Amino acid sequence: MLAPLRITERPIGDTRLLELSGHLVFDEGDRLLRERVHALVDEGSRRILLDLHDVTYVDSGGIGAVVEMYLHVTKVGGRLALMRPGPCARRVLQITHLATALDVFEDEETAIRGVHSPPSPRM
């Protein structure tokens, strides 16, 4: 049985932290994430953190949504970073090599500093 994606949001200064829980999967899960990130960008948010600690399952649609939102936020001059990936999310990030392409932080304090620093060059 699928655990639907839930998104809890809280502001931290000018950064928006989206705490994700459940399954980040194609269809409902990726749609919810895309809609929320697009709405935040439309409202002027430029620093967004995705807390993946309670994500229990990720499929290709879910990881595709994360990459798409990373590109969308970056395109408007913002920063989107991932924080505290749980075992499932960490495994998918490692398998896809996205752990080295995206900003991934292990704790909130480091993540906040990270989204306020200049992006690191990617090869």
Protein backbone atom coordinates (compact mmCIF):
# COMPACT_ATOMS: atom_id res chain seq x y z
CA MET A 1 0.00 0.00 0.00
CA LEU A 2 1.33 3.40 -0.98
CA ALA A 3 1.92 6.04 1.67
CA PRO A 4 0.85 9.26 -0.06
CA LEU A 5 3.35 12.09 -0.12
CA ARG A 6 2.77 14.72 2.51
CA ILE A 7 4.50 18.09 2.48
CA THR A 8 4.86 20.18 5.61
CA GLU A 9 6.29 23.62 5.12
CA ARG A 10 8.02 26.00 7.46
CA PRO A 11 9.93 29.20 6.86
CA ILE A 12 13.44 29.66 8.19
CA GLY A 13 14.29 33.29 7.51
CA ASP A 14 14.11 33.69 3.74
CA THR A 15 14.43 29.93 3.20
CA ARG A 16 11.46 27.59 2.78
CA LEU A 17 11.86 24.13 4.25
CA LEU A 18 9.61 21.47 2.77
CA GLU A 19 9.51 18.36 4.95
CA LEU A 20 8.47 15.44 2.76
CA SER A 21 7.08 12.20 4.13
CA GLY A 22 5.67 9.08 2.51
CA HIS A 23 6.26 7.99 -1.07
CA LEU A 24 7.76 10.37 -3.61
CA VAL A 25 6.47 8.62 -6.73
CA PHE A 26 5.20 9.29 -10.23
CA ASP A 27 1.72 10.79 -10.44
CA GLU A 28 0.41 12.10 -7.13
CA GLY A 29 3.71 12.52 -5.27
CA ASP A 30 5.70 14.22 -7.99
CA ARG A 31 2.72 16.41 -8.90
CA LEU A 32 2.38 17.68 -5.33
CA LEU A 33 6.07 18.52 -5.13
CA ARG A 34 6.10 20.29 -8.50
CA GLU A 35 3.02 22.34 -7.66
CA ARG A 36 4.36 23.43 -4.28
CA VAL A 37 7.82 24.39 -5.55
CA HIS A 38 6.36 26.28 -8.53
CA ALA A 39 4.02 28.16 -6.17
CA LEU A 40 6.93 29.09 -3.88
CA VAL A 41 8.98 30.36 -6.82
CA ASP A 42 5.97 32.32 -8.12
CA GLU A 43 5.67 33.89 -4.64
CA GLY A 44 9.32 34.96 -4.83
CA SER A 45 11.06 32.24 -2.82
CA ARG A 46 14.57 31.59 -4.07
CA ARG A 47 15.97 29.32 -1.34
CA ILE A 48 14.22 25.98 -0.91
CA LEU A 49 15.24 22.95 1.15
CA LEU A 50 13.70 19.52 0.69
CA ASP A 51 13.94 17.44 3.85
CA LEU A 52 13.87 13.80 2.70
CA HIS A 53 14.26 12.20 6.13
CA ASP A 54 10.76 10.68 6.19
CA VAL A 55 10.53 9.73 2.50
CA THR A 56 10.07 5.96 2.59
CA TYR A 57 10.08 5.25 -1.15
CA VAL A 58 11.27 7.06 -4.28
CA ASP A 59 10.71 5.99 -7.88
CA SER A 60 11.98 7.42 -11.15
CA GLY A 61 9.10 9.89 -11.34
CA GLY A 62 9.90 11.17 -7.87
CA ILE A 63 13.59 11.62 -8.54
CA GLY A 64 12.71 13.21 -11.89
CA ALA A 65 10.55 15.76 -10.06
CA VAL A 66 13.44 16.59 -7.71
CA VAL A 67 15.80 17.15 -10.65
CA GLU A 68 13.19 19.19 -12.55
CA MET A 69 12.56 21.40 -9.49
CA TYR A 70 16.30 21.83 -8.93
CA LEU A 71 16.66 23.06 -12.52
CA HIS A 72 13.56 25.28 -12.25
CA VAL A 73 14.74 27.00 -9.06
CA THR A 74 18.29 27.36 -10.39
CA LYS A 75 17.01 28.88 -13.64
CA VAL A 76 15.40 31.76 -11.72
CA GLY A 77 18.60 32.39 -9.76
CA GLY A 78 17.63 30.42 -6.66
CA ARG A 79 18.98 27.45 -4.77
CA LEU A 80 17.26 24.16 -4.07
CA ALA A 81 19.04 21.66 -1.83
CA LEU A 82 18.26 18.30 -0.32
CA MET A 83 18.58 17.58 3.35
CA ARG A 84 18.77 14.45 5.52
CA PRO A 85 17.95 11.81 2.89
CA GLY A 86 16.60 8.65 4.50
CA PRO A 87 17.90 5.22 3.45
CA CYS A 88 15.67 4.86 0.39
CA ALA A 89 16.28 8.39 -0.91
CA ARG A 90 20.02 8.10 -0.21
CA ARG A 91 20.22 4.85 -2.18
CA VAL A 92 18.43 6.38 -5.18
CA LEU A 93 20.66 9.48 -5.06
CA GLN A 94 23.77 7.28 -5.01
CA ILE A 95 22.60 4.92 -7.77
CA THR A 96 21.72 7.84 -10.05
CA HIS A 97 24.91 9.75 -9.08
CA LEU A 98 22.74 12.72 -8.16
CA ALA A 99 24.34 12.84 -4.71
CA THR A 100 27.32 14.50 -6.41
CA ALA A 101 25.28 16.66 -8.83
CA LEU A 102 22.86 18.16 -6.29
CA ASP A 103 23.54 19.87 -2.98
CA VAL A 104 22.82 17.29 -0.25
CA PHE A 105 23.24 18.21 3.42
CA GLU A 106 23.06 16.07 6.54
CA ASP A 107 21.58 18.62 8.95
CA GLU A 108 19.45 21.74 8.94
CA GLU A 109 22.11 24.19 10.11
CA THR A 110 24.56 23.16 7.38
CA ALA A 111 21.78 23.15 4.78
CA ILE A 112 20.72 26.72 5.65
CA ARG A 113 24.32 27.90 5.31
CA GLY A 114 24.62 25.93 2.07
CA VAL A 115 21.67 27.55 0.31
CA HIS A 116 23.03 30.97 1.26
CA SER A 117 26.50 30.31 -0.18
CA PRO A 118 27.44 30.52 -3.85
CA PRO A 119 26.74 27.29 -5.74
CA SER A 120 29.68 24.94 -6.13
CA PRO A 121 30.83 24.35 -9.70
CA ARG A 122 29.53 21.09 -11.18
CA MET A 123 31.27 19.09 -13.84
